[in-house]
PDB file of N, CA and C in Angstrom:
ATOM      1  N   MET A   1     186.519 103.336 127.841  1.00  0.00           N
ATOM      2  CA  MET A   1     185.279 104.049 128.103  1.00  0.00           C
ATOM      3  C   MET A   1     184.910 103.804 129.569  1.00  0.00           C
ATOM      4  N   SER A   2     184.578 104.865 130.266  1.00  0.00           N
ATOM      5  CA  SER A   2     184.230 104.721 131.675  1.00  0.00           C
ATOM      6  C   SER A   2     182.860 104.065 131.824  1.00  0.00           C
ATOM      7  N   LYS A   3     182.641 103.524 133.018  1.00  0.00           N
ATOM      8  CA  LYS A   3     181.383 102.819 133.282  1.00  0.00           C
ATOM      9  C   LYS A   3     180.188 103.767 133.182  1.00  0.00           C
ATOM     10  N   GLU A   4     180.364 105.018 133.646  1.00  0.00           N
ATOM     11  CA  GLU A   4     179.269 106.002 133.604  1.00  0.00           C
ATOM     12  C   GLU A   4     178.861 106.329 132.175  1.00  0.00           C
ATOM     13  N   LEU A   5     179.844 106.541 131.300  1.00  0.00           N
ATOM     14  CA  LEU A   5     179.537 106.849 129.902  1.00  0.00           C
ATOM     15  C   LEU A   5     178.877 105.665 129.209  1.00  0.00           C
ATOM     16  N   LYS A   6     179.326 104.465 129.524  1.00  0.00           N
ATOM     17  CA  LYS A   6     178.759 103.282 128.899  1.00  0.00           C
ATOM     18  C   LYS A   6     177.288 103.127 129.285  1.00  0.00           C
ATOM     19  N   THR A   7     176.975 103.332 130.543  1.00  0.00           N
ATOM     20  CA  THR A   7     175.591 103.196 130.951  1.00  0.00           C
ATOM     21  C   THR A   7     174.741 104.325 130.383  1.00  0.00           C
ATOM     22  N   LYS A   8     175.308 105.498 130.228  1.00  0.00           N
ATOM     23  CA  LYS A   8     174.571 106.622 129.645  1.00  0.00           C
ATOM     24  C   LYS A   8     174.175 106.298 128.204  1.00  0.00           C
ATOM     25  N   ARG A   9     175.124 105.747 127.442  1.00  0.00           N
ATOM     26  CA  ARG A   9     174.844 105.371 126.058  1.00  0.00           C
ATOM     27  C   ARG A   9     173.823 104.242 125.989  1.00  0.00           C
ATOM     28  N   ILE A  10     173.966 103.269 126.853  1.00  0.00           N
ATOM     29  CA  ILE A  10     173.036 102.141 126.867  1.00  0.00           C
ATOM     30  C   ILE A  10     171.632 102.607 127.215  1.00  0.00           C
ATOM     31  N   LYS A  11     171.513 103.532 128.150  1.00  0.00           N
ATOM     32  CA  LYS A  11     170.196 104.068 128.527  1.00  0.00           C
ATOM     33  C   LYS A  11     169.556 104.795 127.350  1.00  0.00           C
ATOM     34  N   ARG A  12     170.341 105.578 126.614  1.00  0.00           N
ATOM     35  CA  ARG A  12     169.809 106.282 125.446  1.00  0.00           C
ATOM     36  C   ARG A  12     169.346 105.295 124.391  1.00  0.00           C
ATOM     37  N   GLU A  13     170.119 104.253 124.145  1.00  0.00           N
ATOM     38  CA  GLU A  13     169.737 103.248 123.153  1.00  0.00           C
ATOM     39  C   GLU A  13     168.462 102.516 123.577  1.00  0.00           C
ATOM     40  N   ARG A  14     168.294 102.283 124.858  1.00  0.00           N
ATOM     41  CA  ARG A  14     167.080 101.629 125.358  1.00  0.00           C
ATOM     42  C   ARG A  14     165.866 102.536 125.132  1.00  0.00           C
ATOM     43  N   ARG A  15     166.021 103.832 125.443  1.00  0.00           N
ATOM     44  CA  ARG A  15     164.924 104.780 125.197  1.00  0.00           C
ATOM     45  C   ARG A  15     164.598 104.836 123.714  1.00  0.00           C
ATOM     46  N   HIS A  16     165.615 104.798 122.871  1.00  0.00           N
ATOM     47  CA  HIS A  16     165.414 104.843 121.421  1.00  0.00           C
ATOM     48  C   HIS A  16     164.614 103.628 120.946  1.00  0.00           C
ATOM     49  N   ARG A  17     164.957 102.450 121.433  1.00  0.00           N
ATOM     50  CA  ARG A  17     164.224 101.240 121.042  1.00  0.00           C
ATOM     51  C   ARG A  17     162.761 101.314 121.463  1.00  0.00           C
ATOM     52  N   LYS A  18     162.494 101.849 122.650  1.00  0.00           N
ATOM     53  CA  LYS A  18     161.121 101.958 123.124  1.00  0.00           C
ATOM     54  C   LYS A  18     160.301 102.901 122.255  1.00  0.00           C
ATOM     55  N   THR A  19     160.871 104.037 121.860  1.00  0.00           N
ATOM     56  CA  THR A  19     160.123 104.968 121.013  1.00  0.00           C
ATOM     57  C   THR A  19     159.987 104.436 119.592  1.00  0.00           C
ATOM     58  N   ARG A  20     160.986 103.693 119.102  1.00  0.00           N
ATOM     59  CA  ARG A  20     160.916 103.148 117.741  1.00  0.00           C
ATOM     60  C   ARG A  20     159.806 102.114 117.606  1.00  0.00           C
ATOM     61  N   ALA A  21     159.449 101.465 118.718  1.00  0.00           N
ATOM     62  CA  ALA A  21     158.362 100.492 118.679  1.00  0.00           C
ATOM     63  C   ALA A  21     157.020 101.177 118.449  1.00  0.00           C
ATOM     64  N   LYS A  22     156.931 102.458 118.764  1.00  0.00           N
ATOM     65  CA  LYS A  22     155.674 103.202 118.661  1.00  0.00           C
ATOM     66  C   LYS A  22     155.604 104.104 117.424  1.00  0.00           C
ATOM     67  N   ILE A  23     156.750 104.473 116.868  1.00  0.00           N
ATOM     68  CA  ILE A  23     156.807 105.433 115.763  1.00  0.00           C
ATOM     69  C   ILE A  23     157.096 104.705 114.456  1.00  0.00           C
ATOM     70  N   HIS A  24     156.281 104.990 113.428  1.00  0.00           N
ATOM     71  CA  HIS A  24     156.486 104.401 112.099  1.00  0.00           C
ATOM     72  C   HIS A  24     156.295 105.488 111.051  1.00  0.00           C
ATOM     73  N   GLY A  25     157.147 105.503 110.050  1.00  0.00           N
ATOM     74  CA  GLY A  25     157.051 106.489 108.988  1.00  0.00           C
ATOM     75  C   GLY A  25     156.601 105.865 107.683  1.00  0.00           C
ATOM     76  N   THR A  26     156.002 106.686 106.832  1.00  0.00           N
ATOM     77  CA  THR A  26     155.598 106.256 105.494  1.00  0.00           C
ATOM     78  C   THR A  26     156.259 107.179 104.483  1.00  0.00           C
ATOM     79  N   SER A  27     156.010 106.949 103.211  1.00  0.00           N
ATOM     80  CA  SER A  27     156.622 107.808 102.195  1.00  0.00           C
ATOM     81  C   SER A  27     156.010 109.213 102.213  1.00  0.00           C
ATOM     82  N   LEU A  28     154.724 109.342 102.597  1.00  0.00           N
ATOM     83  CA  LEU A  28     154.092 110.662 102.673  1.00  0.00           C
ATOM     84  C   LEU A  28     154.365 111.351 104.003  1.00  0.00           C
ATOM     85  N   CYS A  29     154.553 110.583 105.054  1.00  0.00           N
ATOM     86  CA  CYS A  29     154.807 111.117 106.396  1.00  0.00           C
ATOM     87  C   CYS A  29     155.981 110.341 107.006  1.00  0.00           C
ATOM     88  N   PRO A  30     157.229 110.652 106.592  1.00  0.00           N
ATOM     89  CA  PRO A  30     158.371 109.849 107.032  1.00  0.00           C
ATOM     90  C   PRO A  30     158.749 110.101 108.491  1.00  0.00           C
ATOM     91  N   ARG A  31     159.491 109.146 109.032  1.00  0.00           N
ATOM     92  CA  ARG A  31     160.069 109.315 110.361  1.00  0.00           C
ATOM     93  C   ARG A  31     161.317 110.171 110.190  1.00  0.00           C
ATOM     94  N   ILE A  32     161.426 111.221 110.981  1.00  0.00           N
ATOM     95  CA  ILE A  32     162.558 112.140 110.896  1.00  0.00           C
ATOM     96  C   ILE A  32     163.477 111.832 112.077  1.00  0.00           C
ATOM     97  N   GLY A  33     164.518 111.068 111.810  1.00  0.00           N
ATOM     98  CA  GLY A  33     165.445 110.640 112.848  1.00  0.00           C
ATOM     99  C   GLY A  33     166.589 111.622 113.004  1.00  0.00           C
ATOM    100  N   VAL A  34     166.987 111.856 114.253  1.00  0.00           N
ATOM    101  CA  VAL A  34     168.070 112.794 114.556  1.00  0.00           C
ATOM    102  C   VAL A  34     169.194 112.031 115.250  1.00  0.00           C
ATOM    103  N   PHE A  35     170.423 112.279 114.828  1.00  0.00           N
ATOM    104  CA  PHE A  35     171.595 111.769 115.530  1.00  0.00           C
ATOM    105  C   PHE A  35     172.533 112.930 115.743  1.00  0.00           C
ATOM    106  N   LYS A  36     173.065 113.036 116.939  1.00  0.00           N
ATOM    107  CA  LYS A  36     174.014 114.114 117.205  1.00  0.00           C
ATOM    108  C   LYS A  36     175.318 113.529 117.718  1.00  0.00           C
ATOM    109  N   SER A  37     176.403 113.996 117.150  1.00  0.00           N
ATOM    110  CA  SER A  37     177.726 113.639 117.646  1.00  0.00           C
ATOM    111  C   SER A  37     178.280 114.877 118.339  1.00  0.00           C
ATOM    112  N   GLY A  38     179.489 114.828 118.770  1.00  0.00           N
ATOM    113  CA  GLY A  38     180.078 115.968 119.455  1.00  0.00           C
ATOM    114  C   GLY A  38     180.259 117.179 118.556  1.00  0.00           C
ATOM    115  N   LYS A  39     180.509 116.937 117.264  1.00  0.00           N
ATOM    116  CA  LYS A  39     180.809 118.036 116.347  1.00  0.00           C
ATOM    117  C   LYS A  39     179.733 118.298 115.303  1.00  0.00           C
ATOM    118  N   ASN A  40     178.871 117.330 115.015  1.00  0.00           N
ATOM    119  CA  ASN A  40     177.904 117.469 113.924  1.00  0.00           C
ATOM    120  C   ASN A  40     176.531 116.969 114.333  1.00  0.00           C
ATOM    121  N   ILE A  41     175.551 117.277 113.482  1.00  0.00           N
ATOM    122  CA  ILE A  41     174.184 116.795 113.681  1.00  0.00           C
ATOM    123  C   ILE A  41     173.697 116.240 112.347  1.00  0.00           C
ATOM    124  N   TYR A  42     172.955 115.149 112.418  1.00  0.00           N
ATOM    125  CA  TYR A  42     172.504 114.440 111.225  1.00  0.00           C
ATOM    126  C   TYR A  42     170.993 114.237 111.291  1.00  0.00           C
ATOM    127  N   ILE A  43     170.317 114.379 110.150  1.00  0.00           N
ATOM    128  CA  ILE A  43     168.872 114.176 110.062  1.00  0.00           C
ATOM    129  C   ILE A  43     168.600 113.203 108.914  1.00  0.00           C
ATOM    130  N   ASN A  44     167.805 112.172 109.197  1.00  0.00           N
ATOM    131  CA  ASN A  44     167.399 111.213 108.164  1.00  0.00           C
ATOM    132  C   ASN A  44     165.885 111.207 108.064  1.00  0.00           C
ATOM    133  N   MET A  45     165.361 111.177 106.856  1.00  0.00           N
ATOM    134  CA  MET A  45     163.925 111.009 106.629  1.00  0.00           C
ATOM    135  C   MET A  45     163.739 109.594 106.108  1.00  0.00           C
ATOM    136  N   ILE A  46     163.019 108.777 106.907  1.00  0.00           N
ATOM    137  CA  ILE A  46     162.995 107.346 106.694  1.00  0.00           C
ATOM    138  C   ILE A  46     161.575 106.851 106.432  1.00  0.00           C
ATOM    139  N   ASP A  47     161.426 106.017 105.402  1.00  0.00           N
ATOM    140  CA  ASP A  47     160.169 105.326 105.113  1.00  0.00           C
ATOM    141  C   ASP A  47     160.290 103.922 105.700  1.00  0.00           C
ATOM    142  N   ASP A  48     159.626 103.679 106.824  1.00  0.00           N
ATOM    143  CA  ASP A  48     159.731 102.393 107.503  1.00  0.00           C
ATOM    144  C   ASP A  48     158.961 101.286 106.786  1.00  0.00           C
ATOM    145  N   GLN A  49     157.962 101.630 105.995  1.00  0.00           N
ATOM    146  CA  GLN A  49     157.205 100.613 105.266  1.00  0.00           C
ATOM    147  C   GLN A  49     158.083  99.931 104.214  1.00  0.00           C
ATOM    148  N   LYS A  50     158.869 100.715 103.498  1.00  0.00           N
ATOM    149  CA  LYS A  50     159.766 100.164 102.486  1.00  0.00           C
ATOM    150  C   LYS A  50     161.143  99.845 103.049  1.00  0.00           C
ATOM    151  N   GLY A  51     161.455 100.413 104.215  1.00  0.00           N
ATOM    152  CA  GLY A  51     162.758 100.183 104.827  1.00  0.00           C
ATOM    153  C   GLY A  51     163.872 100.934 104.134  1.00  0.00           C
ATOM    154  N   GLU A  52     163.594 102.170 103.709  1.00  0.00           N
ATOM    155  CA  GLU A  52     164.626 102.935 103.011  1.00  0.00           C
ATOM    156  C   GLU A  52     164.680 104.372 103.516  1.00  0.00           C
ATOM    157  N   ILE A  53     165.842 104.974 103.345  1.00  0.00           N
ATOM    158  CA  ILE A  53     166.045 106.368 103.719  1.00  0.00           C
ATOM    159  C   ILE A  53     165.691 107.220 102.510  1.00  0.00           C
ATOM    160  N   LEU A  54     164.750 108.148 102.686  1.00  0.00           N
ATOM    161  CA  LEU A  54     164.313 109.002 101.588  1.00  0.00           C
ATOM    162  C   LEU A  54     165.301 110.138 101.350  1.00  0.00           C
ATOM    163  N   MET A  55     165.699 110.805 102.433  1.00  0.00           N
ATOM    164  CA  MET A  55     166.612 111.943 102.332  1.00  0.00           C
ATOM    165  C   MET A  55     167.507 111.967 103.566  1.00  0.00           C
ATOM    166  N   THR A  56     168.677 112.550 103.432  1.00  0.00           N
ATOM    167  CA  THR A  56     169.568 112.701 104.565  1.00  0.00           C
ATOM    168  C   THR A  56     170.219 114.080 104.519  1.00  0.00           C
ATOM    169  N   PHE A  57     170.413 114.661 105.692  1.00  0.00           N
ATOM    170  CA  PHE A  57     171.000 115.992 105.824  1.00  0.00           C
ATOM    171  C   PHE A  57     171.965 115.979 106.997  1.00  0.00           C
ATOM    172  N   SER A  58     172.963 116.842 106.949  1.00  0.00           N
ATOM    173  CA  SER A  58     173.876 116.951 108.081  1.00  0.00           C
ATOM    174  C   SER A  58     174.555 118.315 108.056  1.00  0.00           C
ATOM    175  N   SER A  59     175.255 118.588 109.132  1.00  0.00           N
ATOM    176  CA  SER A  59     176.003 119.840 109.206  1.00  0.00           C
ATOM    177  C   SER A  59     177.282 119.754 108.386  1.00  0.00           C
ATOM    178  N   LEU A  60     177.533 118.633 107.737  1.00  0.00           N
ATOM    179  CA  LEU A  60     178.685 118.474 106.860  1.00  0.00           C
ATOM    180  C   LEU A  60     178.370 118.820 105.408  1.00  0.00           C
ATOM    181  N   SER A  61     177.119 119.215 105.131  1.00  0.00           N
ATOM    182  CA  SER A  61     176.704 119.483 103.754  1.00  0.00           C
ATOM    183  C   SER A  61     177.385 120.731 103.184  1.00  0.00           C
ATOM    184  N   LYS A  62     177.309 120.852 101.868  1.00  0.00           N
ATOM    185  CA  LYS A  62     177.943 121.956 101.150  1.00  0.00           C
ATOM    186  C   LYS A  62     177.384 123.305 101.596  1.00  0.00           C
ATOM    187  N   GLU A  63     176.051 123.375 101.797  1.00  0.00           N
ATOM    188  CA  GLU A  63     175.419 124.637 102.199  1.00  0.00           C
ATOM    189  C   GLU A  63     175.913 125.100 103.561  1.00  0.00           C
ATOM    190  N   CYS A  64     176.104 124.174 104.468  1.00  0.00           N
ATOM    191  CA  CYS A  64     176.585 124.523 105.812  1.00  0.00           C
ATOM    192  C   CYS A  64     178.038 124.970 105.775  1.00  0.00           C
ATOM    193  N   LYS A  65     178.833 124.322 104.943  1.00  0.00           N
ATOM    194  CA  LYS A  65     180.246 124.708 104.847  1.00  0.00           C
ATOM    195  C   LYS A  65     180.400 126.090 104.228  1.00  0.00           C
ATOM    196  N   GLU A  66     179.526 126.414 103.237  1.00  0.00           N
ATOM    197  CA  GLU A  66     179.592 127.732 102.607  1.00  0.00           C
ATOM    198  C   GLU A  66     179.280 128.847 103.605  1.00  0.00           C
ATOM    199  N   LYS A  67     178.303 128.609 104.483  1.00  0.00           N
ATOM    200  CA  LYS A  67     177.908 129.620 105.470  1.00  0.00           C
ATOM    201  C   LYS A  67     178.660 129.477 106.781  1.00  0.00           C
ATOM    202  N   LYS A  68     179.621 128.543 106.812  1.00  0.00           N
ATOM    203  CA  LYS A  68     180.444 128.286 108.004  1.00  0.00           C
ATOM    204  C   LYS A  68     179.574 127.996 109.225  1.00  0.00           C
ATOM    205  N   ILE A  69     178.611 127.091 109.038  1.00  0.00           N
ATOM    206  CA  ILE A  69     177.713 126.670 110.109  1.00  0.00           C
ATOM    207  C   ILE A  69     178.380 125.545 110.897  1.00  0.00           C
ATOM    208  N   ASN A  70     178.338 125.663 112.211  1.00  0.00           N
ATOM    209  CA  ASN A  70     178.914 124.664 113.103  1.00  0.00           C
ATOM    210  C   ASN A  70     177.783 123.780 113.635  1.00  0.00           C
ATOM    211  N   GLY A  71     177.848 122.495 113.422  1.00  0.00           N
ATOM    212  CA  GLY A  71     176.785 121.584 113.836  1.00  0.00           C
ATOM    213  C   GLY A  71     176.793 121.257 115.313  1.00  0.00           C
ATOM    214  N   SER A  72     177.786 121.734 116.044  1.00  0.00           N
ATOM    215  CA  SER A  72     177.868 121.397 117.461  1.00  0.00           C
ATOM    216  C   SER A  72     177.167 122.420 118.342  1.00  0.00           C
ATOM    217  N   ASN A  73     176.462 123.386 117.741  1.00  0.00           N
ATOM    218  CA  ASN A  73     175.725 124.354 118.563  1.00  0.00           C
ATOM    219  C   ASN A  73     174.274 124.453 118.098  1.00  0.00           C
ATOM    220  N   VAL A  74     173.454 125.125 118.884  1.00  0.00           N
ATOM    221  CA  VAL A  74     172.015 125.219 118.635  1.00  0.00           C
ATOM    222  C   VAL A  74     171.728 125.961 117.335  1.00  0.00           C
ATOM    223  N   LYS A  75     172.469 127.005 117.062  1.00  0.00           N
ATOM    224  CA  LYS A  75     172.248 127.792 115.842  1.00  0.00           C
ATOM    225  C   LYS A  75     172.479 126.935 114.589  1.00  0.00           C
ATOM    226  N   GLY A  76     173.522 126.142 114.599  1.00  0.00           N
ATOM    227  CA  GLY A  76     173.816 125.269 113.473  1.00  0.00           C
ATOM    228  C   GLY A  76     172.763 124.186 113.304  1.00  0.00           C
ATOM    229  N   ALA A  77     172.296 123.629 114.424  1.00  0.00           N
ATOM    230  CA  ALA A  77     171.265 122.592 114.366  1.00  0.00           C
ATOM    231  C   ALA A  77     169.965 123.153 113.801  1.00  0.00           C
ATOM    232  N   ALA A  78     169.614 124.381 114.182  1.00  0.00           N
ATOM    233  CA  ALA A  78     168.402 125.015 113.660  1.00  0.00           C
ATOM    234  C   ALA A  78     168.526 125.238 112.154  1.00  0.00           C
ATOM    235  N   PHE A  79     169.711 125.644 111.692  1.00  0.00           N
ATOM    236  CA  PHE A  79     169.927 125.857 110.263  1.00  0.00           C
ATOM    237  C   PHE A  79     169.776 124.549 109.491  1.00  0.00           C
ATOM    238  N   VAL A  80     170.342 123.469 110.007  1.00  0.00           N
ATOM    239  CA  VAL A  80     170.248 122.167 109.340  1.00  0.00           C
ATOM    240  C   VAL A  80     168.789 121.702 109.308  1.00  0.00           C
ATOM    241  N   GLY A  81     168.046 121.915 110.396  1.00  0.00           N
ATOM    242  CA  GLY A  81     166.635 121.554 110.429  1.00  0.00           C
ATOM    243  C   GLY A  81     165.822 122.324 109.406  1.00  0.00           C
ATOM    244  N   GLU A  82     166.098 123.616 109.309  1.00  0.00           N
ATOM    245  CA  GLU A  82     165.383 124.459 108.336  1.00  0.00           C
ATOM    246  C   GLU A  82     165.727 124.049 106.904  1.00  0.00           C
ATOM    247  N   LEU A  83     166.990 123.761 106.666  1.00  0.00           N
ATOM    248  CA  LEU A  83     167.431 123.313 105.347  1.00  0.00           C
ATOM    249  C   LEU A  83     166.754 121.986 104.980  1.00  0.00           C
ATOM    250  N   ALA A  84     166.685 121.070 105.932  1.00  0.00           N
ATOM    251  CA  ALA A  84     166.030 119.779 105.703  1.00  0.00           C
ATOM    252  C   ALA A  84     164.553 119.981 105.392  1.00  0.00           C
ATOM    253  N   GLY A  85     163.898 120.875 106.117  1.00  0.00           N
ATOM    254  CA  GLY A  85     162.483 121.144 105.885  1.00  0.00           C
ATOM    255  C   GLY A  85     162.217 121.712 104.499  1.00  0.00           C
ATOM    256  N   LYS A  86     163.045 122.653 104.078  1.00  0.00           N
ATOM    257  CA  LYS A  86     162.861 123.268 102.749  1.00  0.00           C
ATOM    258  C   LYS A  86     163.049 122.246 101.635  1.00  0.00           C
ATOM    259  N   LYS A  87     164.087 121.416 101.747  1.00  0.00           N
ATOM    260  CA  LYS A  87     164.338 120.423 100.698  1.00  0.00           C
ATOM    261  C   LYS A  87     163.270 119.338 100.691  1.00  0.00           C
ATOM    262  N   ALA A  88     162.736 118.993 101.861  1.00  0.00           N
ATOM    263  CA  ALA A  88     161.681 117.984 101.931  1.00  0.00           C
ATOM    264  C   ALA A  88     160.401 118.498 101.283  1.00  0.00           C
ATOM    265  N   ILE A  89     160.078 119.760 101.499  1.00  0.00           N
ATOM    266  CA  ILE A  89     158.880 120.348 100.882  1.00  0.00           C
ATOM    267  C   ILE A  89     159.036 120.370  99.366  1.00  0.00           C
ATOM    268  N   GLU A  90     160.254 120.637  98.874  1.00  0.00           N
ATOM    269  CA  GLU A  90     160.503 120.598  97.431  1.00  0.00           C
ATOM    270  C   GLU A  90     160.234 119.196  96.863  1.00  0.00           C
ATOM    271  N   LYS A  91     160.522 118.157  97.650  1.00  0.00           N
ATOM    272  CA  LYS A  91     160.299 116.778  97.226  1.00  0.00           C
ATOM    273  C   LYS A  91     158.863 116.321  97.440  1.00  0.00           C
ATOM    274  N   GLY A  92     158.020 117.152  98.064  1.00  0.00           N
ATOM    275  CA  GLY A  92     156.618 116.808  98.249  1.00  0.00           C
ATOM    276  C   GLY A  92     156.263 116.253  99.610  1.00  0.00           C
ATOM    277  N   ILE A  93     157.188 116.314 100.559  1.00  0.00           N
ATOM    278  CA  ILE A  93     156.920 115.843 101.919  1.00  0.00           C
ATOM    279  C   ILE A  93     156.431 117.035 102.739  1.00  0.00           C
ATOM    280  N   LYS A  94     155.196 116.960 103.218  1.00  0.00           N
ATOM    281  CA  LYS A  94     154.601 118.083 103.939  1.00  0.00           C
ATOM    282  C   LYS A  94     154.557 117.885 105.448  1.00  0.00           C
ATOM    283  N   LYS A  95     154.635 116.614 105.901  1.00  0.00           N
ATOM    284  CA  LYS A  95     154.654 116.365 107.339  1.00  0.00           C
ATOM    285  C   LYS A  95     155.488 115.133 107.636  1.00  0.00           C
ATOM    286  N   GLY A  96     155.867 114.997 108.895  1.00  0.00           N
ATOM    287  CA  GLY A  96     156.698 113.879 109.303  1.00  0.00           C
ATOM    288  C   GLY A  96     156.509 113.573 110.774  1.00  0.00           C
ATOM    289  N   VAL A  97     157.049 112.438 111.189  1.00  0.00           N
ATOM    290  CA  VAL A  97     157.001 112.018 112.585  1.00  0.00           C
ATOM    291  C   VAL A  97     158.403 112.209 113.152  1.00  0.00           C
ATOM    292  N   PHE A  98     158.534 113.049 114.188  1.00  0.00           N
ATOM    293  CA  PHE A  98     159.847 113.378 114.736  1.00  0.00           C
ATOM    294  C   PHE A  98     160.316 112.287 115.687  1.00  0.00           C
ATOM    295  N   ASP A  99     161.492 111.733 115.418  1.00  0.00           N
ATOM    296  CA  ASP A  99     162.105 110.708 116.256  1.00  0.00           C
ATOM    297  C   ASP A  99     163.369 111.313 116.859  1.00  0.00           C
ATOM    298  N   ARG A 100     163.329 111.556 118.144  1.00  0.00           N
ATOM    299  CA  ARG A 100     164.457 112.213 118.810  1.00  0.00           C
ATOM    300  C   ARG A 100     165.573 111.241 119.183  1.00  0.00           C
ATOM    301  N   SER A 101     165.411 109.961 118.858  1.00  0.00           N
ATOM    302  CA  SER A 101     166.435 108.927 119.034  1.00  0.00           C
ATOM    303  C   SER A 101     166.897 108.755 120.476  1.00  0.00           C
ATOM    304  N   GLY A 102     166.011 108.933 121.412  1.00  0.00           N
ATOM    305  CA  GLY A 102     166.356 108.730 122.815  1.00  0.00           C
ATOM    306  C   GLY A 102     166.991 109.927 123.485  1.00  0.00           C
ATOM    307  N   TYR A 103     167.264 110.992 122.730  1.00  0.00           N
ATOM    308  CA  TYR A 103     167.836 112.202 123.310  1.00  0.00           C
ATOM    309  C   TYR A 103     166.742 113.016 123.993  1.00  0.00           C
ATOM    310  N   ARG A 104     167.127 113.834 124.967  1.00  0.00           N
ATOM    311  CA  ARG A 104     166.170 114.734 125.599  1.00  0.00           C
ATOM    312  C   ARG A 104     165.765 115.814 124.597  1.00  0.00           C
ATOM    313  N   TYR A 105     164.521 116.259 124.679  1.00  0.00           N
ATOM    314  CA  TYR A 105     164.009 117.278 123.746  1.00  0.00           C
ATOM    315  C   TYR A 105     164.414 118.656 124.271  1.00  0.00           C
ATOM    316  N   HIS A 106     165.660 119.001 124.087  1.00  0.00           N
ATOM    317  CA  HIS A 106     166.156 120.328 124.423  1.00  0.00           C
ATOM    318  C   HIS A 106     167.452 120.548 123.647  1.00  0.00           C
ATOM    319  N   GLY A 107     167.910 121.767 123.609  1.00  0.00           N
ATOM    320  CA  GLY A 107     169.167 122.075 122.937  1.00  0.00           C
ATOM    321  C   GLY A 107     169.109 121.853 121.444  1.00  0.00           C
ATOM    322  N   ARG A 108     170.080 121.090 120.939  1.00  0.00           N
ATOM    323  CA  ARG A 108     170.188 120.886 119.489  1.00  0.00           C
ATOM    324  C   ARG A 108     169.026 120.096 118.914  1.00  0.00           C
ATOM    325  N   VAL A 109     168.506 119.119 119.654  1.00  0.00           N
ATOM    326  CA  VAL A 109     167.384 118.314 119.156  1.00  0.00           C
ATOM    327  C   VAL A 109     166.141 119.190 119.014  1.00  0.00           C
ATOM    328  N   LYS A 110     165.900 120.033 119.997  1.00  0.00           N
ATOM    329  CA  LYS A 110     164.764 120.951 119.939  1.00  0.00           C
ATOM    330  C   LYS A 110     164.954 121.957 118.804  1.00  0.00           C
ATOM    331  N   ALA A 111     166.183 122.424 118.586  1.00  0.00           N
ATOM    332  CA  ALA A 111     166.464 123.381 117.513  1.00  0.00           C
ATOM    333  C   ALA A 111     166.189 122.767 116.144  1.00  0.00           C
ATOM    334  N   VAL A 112     166.509 121.495 115.970  1.00  0.00           N
ATOM    335  CA  VAL A 112     166.216 120.808 114.705  1.00  0.00           C
ATOM    336  C   VAL A 112     164.710 120.770 114.480  1.00  0.00           C
ATOM    337  N   ALA A 113     163.958 120.400 115.521  1.00  0.00           N
ATOM    338  CA  ALA A 113     162.499 120.319 115.404  1.00  0.00           C
ATOM    339  C   ALA A 113     161.900 121.687 115.085  1.00  0.00           C
ATOM    340  N   GLU A 114     162.395 122.731 115.728  1.00  0.00           N
ATOM    341  CA  GLU A 114     161.880 124.073 115.463  1.00  0.00           C
ATOM    342  C   GLU A 114     162.259 124.553 114.063  1.00  0.00           C
ATOM    343  N   GLY A 115     163.448 124.169 113.586  1.00  0.00           N
ATOM    344  CA  GLY A 115     163.832 124.496 112.212  1.00  0.00           C
ATOM    345  C   GLY A 115     162.928 123.834 111.198  1.00  0.00           C
ATOM    346  N   LEU A 116     162.564 122.586 111.456  1.00  0.00           N
ATOM    347  CA  LEU A 116     161.639 121.871 110.566  1.00  0.00           C
ATOM    348  C   LEU A 116     160.262 122.547 110.567  1.00  0.00           C
ATOM    349  N   LYS A 117     159.802 122.936 111.751  1.00  0.00           N
ATOM    350  CA  LYS A 117     158.498 123.617 111.860  1.00  0.00           C
ATOM    351  C   LYS A 117     158.525 124.955 111.125  1.00  0.00           C
ATOM    352  N   LYS A 118     159.641 125.674 111.271  1.00  0.00           N
ATOM    353  CA  LYS A 118     159.771 126.986 110.622  1.00  0.00           C
ATOM    354  C   LYS A 118     159.727 126.847 109.095  1.00  0.00           C
ATOM    355  N   ALA A 119     160.286 125.759 108.585  1.00  0.00           N
ATOM    356  CA  ALA A 119     160.283 125.518 107.145  1.00  0.00           C
ATOM    357  C   ALA A 119     158.907 125.079 106.636  1.00  0.00           C
ATOM    358  N   GLY A 120     158.038 124.617 107.544  1.00  0.00           N
ATOM    359  CA  GLY A 120     156.684 124.257 107.130  1.00  0.00           C
ATOM    360  C   GLY A 120     156.327 122.792 107.278  1.00  0.00           C
ATOM    361  N   ILE A 121     157.157 122.028 107.962  1.00  0.00           N
ATOM    362  CA  ILE A 121     156.845 120.593 108.163  1.00  0.00           C
ATOM    363  C   ILE A 121     156.251 120.420 109.543  1.00  0.00           C
TER     364      ILE A 121
END
């Protein structure tokens, strides 16, 4: 791993730790964490009071594979966000705290947030 990539990752992890100190989720208003890899995007709904993950979604899910959704682009990220929002509302979760995990709020991360908003969260 090159020195530039290592420092880029370390900087993102530092930003993530700083925001995690300020953001806390509950069972009624969970923390919605986003992780993006090169090929996929993952969303976790986390209850920090109990220390458990309530729900998890990704571009690897059955619904995404059926519609041939690619998680490495904005369109796929928006679909996963919307899917997560719809399933969360079915479970009774009406709002959440968005945790961008140290990533910049643009591109796929922004598409996930807009998908969640479109679904009603």
